[in-house]
Amino acid sequence: MIKVVAPQMVQRVVDRAMQAHGAMGLSGDRPLAQFFSLARILRLADGPDEVHAAALGKMEIKKNQR
């Protein structure tokens, strides 16, 4: 579950920080735009969220079939 939730949470936190900083959040004066890009890459690097969610769903189905 953590492989799905953690990258989404990181991206959500950075997005909220960018919102709080307004246009300054997109500028090169703050690292937020880079953090947002890295957070998105993190969501894809270890496998897309959907792949992890599907694997988690399969494990739950097998667990509940016993």
PDB file of N, CA and C in Angstrom:
ATOM      1  N   MET A   1       0.814  -1.190   0.000  1.00  0.00           N
ATOM      2  CA  MET A   1       0.000   0.000   0.000  1.00  0.00           C
ATOM      3  C   MET A   1       0.861   1.258   0.000  1.00  0.00           C
ATOM      4  N   ILE A   2       2.003   1.183   0.666  1.00  0.00           N
ATOM      5  CA  ILE A   2       2.840   2.367   0.778  1.00  0.00           C
ATOM      6  C   ILE A   2       3.371   2.806  -0.580  1.00  0.00           C
ATOM      7  N   LYS A   3       3.539   1.868  -1.504  1.00  0.00           N
ATOM      8  CA  LYS A   3       4.029   2.217  -2.840  1.00  0.00           C
ATOM      9  C   LYS A   3       3.001   3.016  -3.629  1.00  0.00           C
ATOM     10  N   VAL A   4       1.760   2.966  -3.226  1.00  0.00           N
ATOM     11  CA  VAL A   4       0.713   3.752  -3.880  1.00  0.00           C
ATOM     12  C   VAL A   4       0.520   5.073  -3.136  1.00  0.00           C
ATOM     13  N   VAL A   5       0.438   5.021  -1.817  1.00  0.00           N
ATOM     14  CA  VAL A   5       0.070   6.181  -1.022  1.00  0.00           C
ATOM     15  C   VAL A   5       1.204   7.199  -0.886  1.00  0.00           C
ATOM     16  N   ALA A   6       2.414   6.753  -0.604  1.00  0.00           N
ATOM     17  CA  ALA A   6       3.520   7.690  -0.332  1.00  0.00           C
ATOM     18  C   ALA A   6       3.826   8.614  -1.518  1.00  0.00           C
ATOM     19  N   PRO A   7       4.013   8.091  -2.733  1.00  0.00           N
ATOM     20  CA  PRO A   7       4.283   9.009  -3.844  1.00  0.00           C
ATOM     21  C   PRO A   7       3.134   9.982  -4.117  1.00  0.00           C
ATOM     22  N   GLN A   8       1.898   9.531  -3.960  1.00  0.00           N
ATOM     23  CA  GLN A   8       0.755  10.425  -4.144  1.00  0.00           C
ATOM     24  C   GLN A   8       0.748  11.523  -3.090  1.00  0.00           C
ATOM     25  N   MET A   9       1.079  11.159  -1.864  1.00  0.00           N
ATOM     26  CA  MET A   9       1.089  12.135  -0.771  1.00  0.00           C
ATOM     27  C   MET A   9       2.195  13.166  -0.982  1.00  0.00           C
ATOM     28  N   VAL A  10       3.362  12.716  -1.416  1.00  0.00           N
ATOM     29  CA  VAL A  10       4.458  13.654  -1.686  1.00  0.00           C
ATOM     30  C   VAL A  10       4.032  14.662  -2.743  1.00  0.00           C
ATOM     31  N   GLN A  11       3.437  14.189  -3.816  1.00  0.00           N
ATOM     32  CA  GLN A  11       3.014  15.089  -4.877  1.00  0.00           C
ATOM     33  C   GLN A  11       1.920  16.038  -4.382  1.00  0.00           C
ATOM     34  N   ARG A  12       1.022  15.550  -3.565  1.00  0.00           N
ATOM     35  CA  ARG A  12      -0.058  16.392  -3.028  1.00  0.00           C
ATOM     36  C   ARG A  12       0.506  17.494  -2.125  1.00  0.00           C
ATOM     37  N   VAL A  13       1.485  17.142  -1.289  1.00  0.00           N
ATOM     38  CA  VAL A  13       2.083  18.127  -0.382  1.00  0.00           C
ATOM     39  C   VAL A  13       2.810  19.209  -1.179  1.00  0.00           C
ATOM     40  N   VAL A  14       3.589  18.795  -2.176  1.00  0.00           N
ATOM     41  CA  VAL A  14       4.313  19.767  -2.999  1.00  0.00           C
ATOM     42  C   VAL A  14       3.331  20.650  -3.764  1.00  0.00           C
ATOM     43  N   ASP A  15       2.262  20.054  -4.277  1.00  0.00           N
ATOM     44  CA  ASP A  15       1.259  20.835  -4.994  1.00  0.00           C
ATOM     45  C   ASP A  15       0.638  21.890  -4.086  1.00  0.00           C
ATOM     46  N   ARG A  16       0.345  21.521  -2.858  1.00  0.00           N
ATOM     47  CA  ARG A  16      -0.244  22.485  -1.922  1.00  0.00           C
ATOM     48  C   ARG A  16       0.746  23.594  -1.580  1.00  0.00           C
ATOM     49  N   ALA A  17       2.024  23.245  -1.463  1.00  0.00           N
ATOM     50  CA  ALA A  17       3.047  24.261  -1.211  1.00  0.00           C
ATOM     51  C   ALA A  17       3.150  25.216  -2.394  1.00  0.00           C
ATOM     52  N   MET A  18       3.048  24.675  -3.611  1.00  0.00           N
ATOM     53  CA  MET A  18       3.082  25.522  -4.802  1.00  0.00           C
ATOM     54  C   MET A  18       1.877  26.455  -4.810  1.00  0.00           C
ATOM     55  N   GLN A  19       0.718  25.953  -4.431  1.00  0.00           N
ATOM     56  CA  GLN A  19      -0.483  26.783  -4.365  1.00  0.00           C
ATOM     57  C   GLN A  19      -0.301  27.914  -3.354  1.00  0.00           C
ATOM     58  N   ALA A  20       0.301  27.594  -2.231  1.00  0.00           N
ATOM     59  CA  ALA A  20       0.513  28.600  -1.188  1.00  0.00           C
ATOM     60  C   ALA A  20       1.482  29.691  -1.637  1.00  0.00           C
ATOM     61  N   HIS A  21       2.454  29.325  -2.466  1.00  0.00           N
ATOM     62  CA  HIS A  21       3.437  30.290  -2.941  1.00  0.00           C
ATOM     63  C   HIS A  21       2.986  31.032  -4.196  1.00  0.00           C
ATOM     64  N   GLY A  22       1.888  30.616  -4.786  1.00  0.00           N
ATOM     65  CA  GLY A  22       1.389  31.276  -5.991  1.00  0.00           C
ATOM     66  C   GLY A  22       2.377  31.149  -7.143  1.00  0.00           C
ATOM     67  N   ALA A  23       2.511  32.209  -7.917  1.00  0.00           N
ATOM     68  CA  ALA A  23       3.403  32.179  -9.082  1.00  0.00           C
ATOM     69  C   ALA A  23       4.855  31.946  -8.677  1.00  0.00           C
ATOM     70  N   MET A  24       5.216  32.368  -7.470  1.00  0.00           N
ATOM     71  CA  MET A  24       6.582  32.153  -6.988  1.00  0.00           C
ATOM     72  C   MET A  24       6.896  30.661  -6.880  1.00  0.00           C
ATOM     73  N   GLY A  25       5.874  29.830  -6.685  1.00  0.00           N
ATOM     74  CA  GLY A  25       6.068  28.389  -6.599  1.00  0.00           C
ATOM     75  C   GLY A  25       6.517  27.768  -7.906  1.00  0.00           C
ATOM     76  N   LEU A  26       6.257  28.459  -9.013  1.00  0.00           N
ATOM     77  CA  LEU A  26       6.673  27.962 -10.325  1.00  0.00           C
ATOM     78  C   LEU A  26       8.008  28.526 -10.782  1.00  0.00           C
ATOM     79  N   SER A  27       8.494  29.519 -10.079  1.00  0.00           N
ATOM     80  CA  SER A  27       9.725  30.180 -10.519  1.00  0.00           C
ATOM     81  C   SER A  27      10.953  29.365 -10.134  1.00  0.00           C
ATOM     82  N   GLY A  28      12.067  29.768 -10.697  1.00  0.00           N
ATOM     83  CA  GLY A  28      13.329  29.126 -10.363  1.00  0.00           C
ATOM     84  C   GLY A  28      13.884  29.584  -9.029  1.00  0.00           C
ATOM     85  N   ASP A  29      13.223  30.570  -8.413  1.00  0.00           N
ATOM     86  CA  ASP A  29      13.675  31.071  -7.118  1.00  0.00           C
ATOM     87  C   ASP A  29      13.349  30.113  -5.978  1.00  0.00           C
ATOM     88  N   ARG A  30      12.413  29.242  -6.206  1.00  0.00           N
ATOM     89  CA  ARG A  30      12.021  28.245  -5.209  1.00  0.00           C
ATOM     90  C   ARG A  30      12.174  26.860  -5.847  1.00  0.00           C
ATOM     91  N   PRO A  31      12.525  25.858  -5.055  1.00  0.00           N
ATOM     92  CA  PRO A  31      12.723  24.513  -5.621  1.00  0.00           C
ATOM     93  C   PRO A  31      11.424  23.728  -5.821  1.00  0.00           C
ATOM     94  N   LEU A  32      10.279  24.361  -5.605  1.00  0.00           N
ATOM     95  CA  LEU A  32       9.007  23.631  -5.616  1.00  0.00           C
ATOM     96  C   LEU A  32       8.687  23.009  -6.972  1.00  0.00           C
ATOM     97  N   ALA A  33       8.962  23.719  -8.057  1.00  0.00           N
ATOM     98  CA  ALA A  33       8.679  23.156  -9.380  1.00  0.00           C
ATOM     99  C   ALA A  33       9.516  21.906  -9.617  1.00  0.00           C
ATOM    100  N   GLN A  34      10.760  21.943  -9.190  1.00  0.00           N
ATOM    101  CA  GLN A  34      11.624  20.765  -9.327  1.00  0.00           C
ATOM    102  C   GLN A  34      11.122  19.634  -8.427  1.00  0.00           C
ATOM    103  N   PHE A  35      10.707  19.975  -7.211  1.00  0.00           N
ATOM    104  CA  PHE A  35      10.166  18.953  -6.309  1.00  0.00           C
ATOM    105  C   PHE A  35       8.938  18.288  -6.913  1.00  0.00           C
ATOM    106  N   PHE A  36       8.081  19.097  -7.553  1.00  0.00           N
ATOM    107  CA  PHE A  36       6.880  18.549  -8.171  1.00  0.00           C
ATOM    108  C   PHE A  36       7.255  17.563  -9.276  1.00  0.00           C
ATOM    109  N   SER A  37       8.225  17.928 -10.109  1.00  0.00           N
ATOM    110  CA  SER A  37       8.680  17.035 -11.182  1.00  0.00           C
ATOM    111  C   SER A  37       9.259  15.748 -10.609  1.00  0.00           C
ATOM    112  N   LEU A  38      10.055  15.875  -9.569  1.00  0.00           N
ATOM    113  CA  LEU A  38      10.647  14.689  -8.956  1.00  0.00           C
ATOM    114  C   LEU A  38       9.580  13.802  -8.311  1.00  0.00           C
ATOM    115  N   ALA A  39       8.571  14.422  -7.718  1.00  0.00           N
ATOM    116  CA  ALA A  39       7.480  13.640  -7.122  1.00  0.00           C
ATOM    117  C   ALA A  39       6.733  12.859  -8.191  1.00  0.00           C
ATOM    118  N   ARG A  40       6.517  13.482  -9.341  1.00  0.00           N
ATOM    119  CA  ARG A  40       5.822  12.784 -10.445  1.00  0.00           C
ATOM    120  C   ARG A  40       6.674  11.636 -10.963  1.00  0.00           C
ATOM    121  N   ILE A  41       7.969  11.870 -11.082  1.00  0.00           N
ATOM    122  CA  ILE A  41       8.883  10.806 -11.523  1.00  0.00           C
ATOM    123  C   ILE A  41       8.852   9.658 -10.521  1.00  0.00           C
ATOM    124  N   LEU A  42       8.817   9.979  -9.241  1.00  0.00           N
ATOM    125  CA  LEU A  42       8.760   8.951  -8.197  1.00  0.00           C
ATOM    126  C   LEU A  42       7.536   8.064  -8.371  1.00  0.00           C
ATOM    127  N   ARG A  43       6.422   8.660  -8.796  1.00  0.00           N
ATOM    128  CA  ARG A  43       5.191   7.881  -8.997  1.00  0.00           C
ATOM    129  C   ARG A  43       5.319   6.905 -10.153  1.00  0.00           C
ATOM    130  N   LEU A  44       6.225   7.171 -11.082  1.00  0.00           N
ATOM    131  CA  LEU A  44       6.390   6.295 -12.242  1.00  0.00           C
ATOM    132  C   LEU A  44       7.603   5.374 -12.127  1.00  0.00           C
ATOM    133  N   ALA A  45       8.624   5.803 -11.400  1.00  0.00           N
ATOM    134  CA  ALA A  45       9.897   5.074 -11.364  1.00  0.00           C
ATOM    135  C   ALA A  45       9.760   3.667 -10.790  1.00  0.00           C
ATOM    136  N   ASP A  46       8.996   3.516  -9.746  1.00  0.00           N
ATOM    137  CA  ASP A  46       8.854   2.209  -9.102  1.00  0.00           C
ATOM    138  C   ASP A  46       7.690   1.427  -9.685  1.00  0.00           C
ATOM    139  N   GLY A  47       7.107   1.924 -10.732  1.00  0.00           N
ATOM    140  CA  GLY A  47       5.949   1.291 -11.350  1.00  0.00           C
ATOM    141  C   GLY A  47       4.744   2.187 -11.173  1.00  0.00           C
ATOM    142  N   PRO A  48       3.914   2.275 -12.170  1.00  0.00           N
ATOM    143  CA  PRO A  48       2.734   3.133 -12.071  1.00  0.00           C
ATOM    144  C   PRO A  48       1.822   2.736 -10.916  1.00  0.00           C
ATOM    145  N   ASP A  49       1.125   3.711 -10.374  1.00  0.00           N
ATOM    146  CA  ASP A  49       0.212   3.469  -9.249  1.00  0.00           C
ATOM    147  C   ASP A  49      -0.784   2.358  -9.556  1.00  0.00           C
ATOM    148  N   GLU A  50      -1.280   2.324 -10.778  1.00  0.00           N
ATOM    149  CA  GLU A  50      -2.289   1.339 -11.146  1.00  0.00           C
ATOM    150  C   GLU A  50      -1.746  -0.086 -11.047  1.00  0.00           C
ATOM    151  N   VAL A  51      -0.477  -0.268 -11.372  1.00  0.00           N
ATOM    152  CA  VAL A  51       0.139  -1.600 -11.284  1.00  0.00           C
ATOM    153  C   VAL A  51       0.194  -2.039  -9.826  1.00  0.00           C
ATOM    154  N   HIS A  52       0.623  -1.145  -8.950  1.00  0.00           N
ATOM    155  CA  HIS A  52       0.682  -1.484  -7.525  1.00  0.00           C
ATOM    156  C   HIS A  52      -0.711  -1.716  -6.958  1.00  0.00           C
ATOM    157  N   ALA A  53      -1.655  -0.897  -7.353  1.00  0.00           N
ATOM    158  CA  ALA A  53      -3.029  -1.066  -6.858  1.00  0.00           C
ATOM    159  C   ALA A  53      -3.616  -2.387  -7.339  1.00  0.00           C
ATOM    160  N   ALA A  54      -3.345  -2.761  -8.580  1.00  0.00           N
ATOM    161  CA  ALA A  54      -3.845  -4.039  -9.102  1.00  0.00           C
ATOM    162  C   ALA A  54      -3.218  -5.207  -8.356  1.00  0.00           C
ATOM    163  N   ALA A  55      -1.922  -5.122  -8.095  1.00  0.00           N
ATOM    164  CA  ALA A  55      -1.243  -6.192  -7.349  1.00  0.00           C
ATOM    165  C   ALA A  55      -1.813  -6.297  -5.938  1.00  0.00           C
ATOM    166  N   LEU A  56      -2.071  -5.169  -5.327  1.00  0.00           N
ATOM    167  CA  LEU A  56      -2.658  -5.164  -3.989  1.00  0.00           C
ATOM    168  C   LEU A  56      -4.052  -5.777  -4.012  1.00  0.00           C
ATOM    169  N   GLY A  57      -4.841  -5.438  -5.026  1.00  0.00           N
ATOM    170  CA  GLY A  57      -6.178  -6.010  -5.173  1.00  0.00           C
ATOM    171  C   GLY A  57      -6.144  -7.518  -5.342  1.00  0.00           C
ATOM    172  N   LYS A  58      -5.208  -8.009  -6.148  1.00  0.00           N
ATOM    173  CA  LYS A  58      -5.074  -9.464  -6.350  1.00  0.00           C
ATOM    174  C   LYS A  58      -4.712 -10.159  -5.043  1.00  0.00           C
ATOM    175  N   MET A  59      -3.817  -9.545  -4.264  1.00  0.00           N
ATOM    176  CA  MET A  59      -3.434 -10.143  -2.977  1.00  0.00           C
ATOM    177  C   MET A  59      -4.628 -10.197  -2.034  1.00  0.00           C
ATOM    178  N   GLU A  60      -5.430  -9.148  -2.019  1.00  0.00           N
ATOM    179  CA  GLU A  60      -6.609  -9.122  -1.149  1.00  0.00           C
ATOM    180  C   GLU A  60      -7.643 -10.160  -1.584  1.00  0.00           C
ATOM    181  N   ILE A  61      -7.833 -10.310  -2.874  1.00  0.00           N
ATOM    182  CA  ILE A  61      -8.782 -11.320  -3.373  1.00  0.00           C
ATOM    183  C   ILE A  61      -8.332 -12.718  -2.967  1.00  0.00           C
ATOM    184  N   LYS A  62      -7.042 -13.011  -3.150  1.00  0.00           N
ATOM    185  CA  LYS A  62      -6.523 -14.335  -2.774  1.00  0.00           C
ATOM    186  C   LYS A  62      -6.674 -14.562  -1.279  1.00  0.00           C
ATOM    187  N   LYS A  63      -6.405 -13.529  -0.491  1.00  0.00           N
ATOM    188  CA  LYS A  63      -6.502 -13.639   0.970  1.00  0.00           C
ATOM    189  C   LYS A  63      -7.932 -13.936   1.401  1.00  0.00           C
ATOM    190  N   ASN A  64      -8.902 -13.332   0.736  1.00  0.00           N
ATOM    191  CA  ASN A  64     -10.304 -13.488   1.123  1.00  0.00           C
ATOM    192  C   ASN A  64     -10.977 -14.702   0.504  1.00  0.00           C
ATOM    193  N   GLN A  65     -10.301 -15.403  -0.395  1.00  0.00           N
ATOM    194  CA  GLN A  65     -10.877 -16.603  -0.996  1.00  0.00           C
ATOM    195  C   GLN A  65     -10.682 -17.833  -0.127  1.00  0.00           C
ATOM    196  N   ARG A  66      -9.850 -17.730   0.873  1.00  0.00           N
ATOM    197  CA  ARG A  66      -9.593 -18.903   1.716  1.00  0.00           C
ATOM    198  C   ARG A  66     -10.717 -19.192   2.633  1.00  0.00           C
TER     199      ARG A  66
END
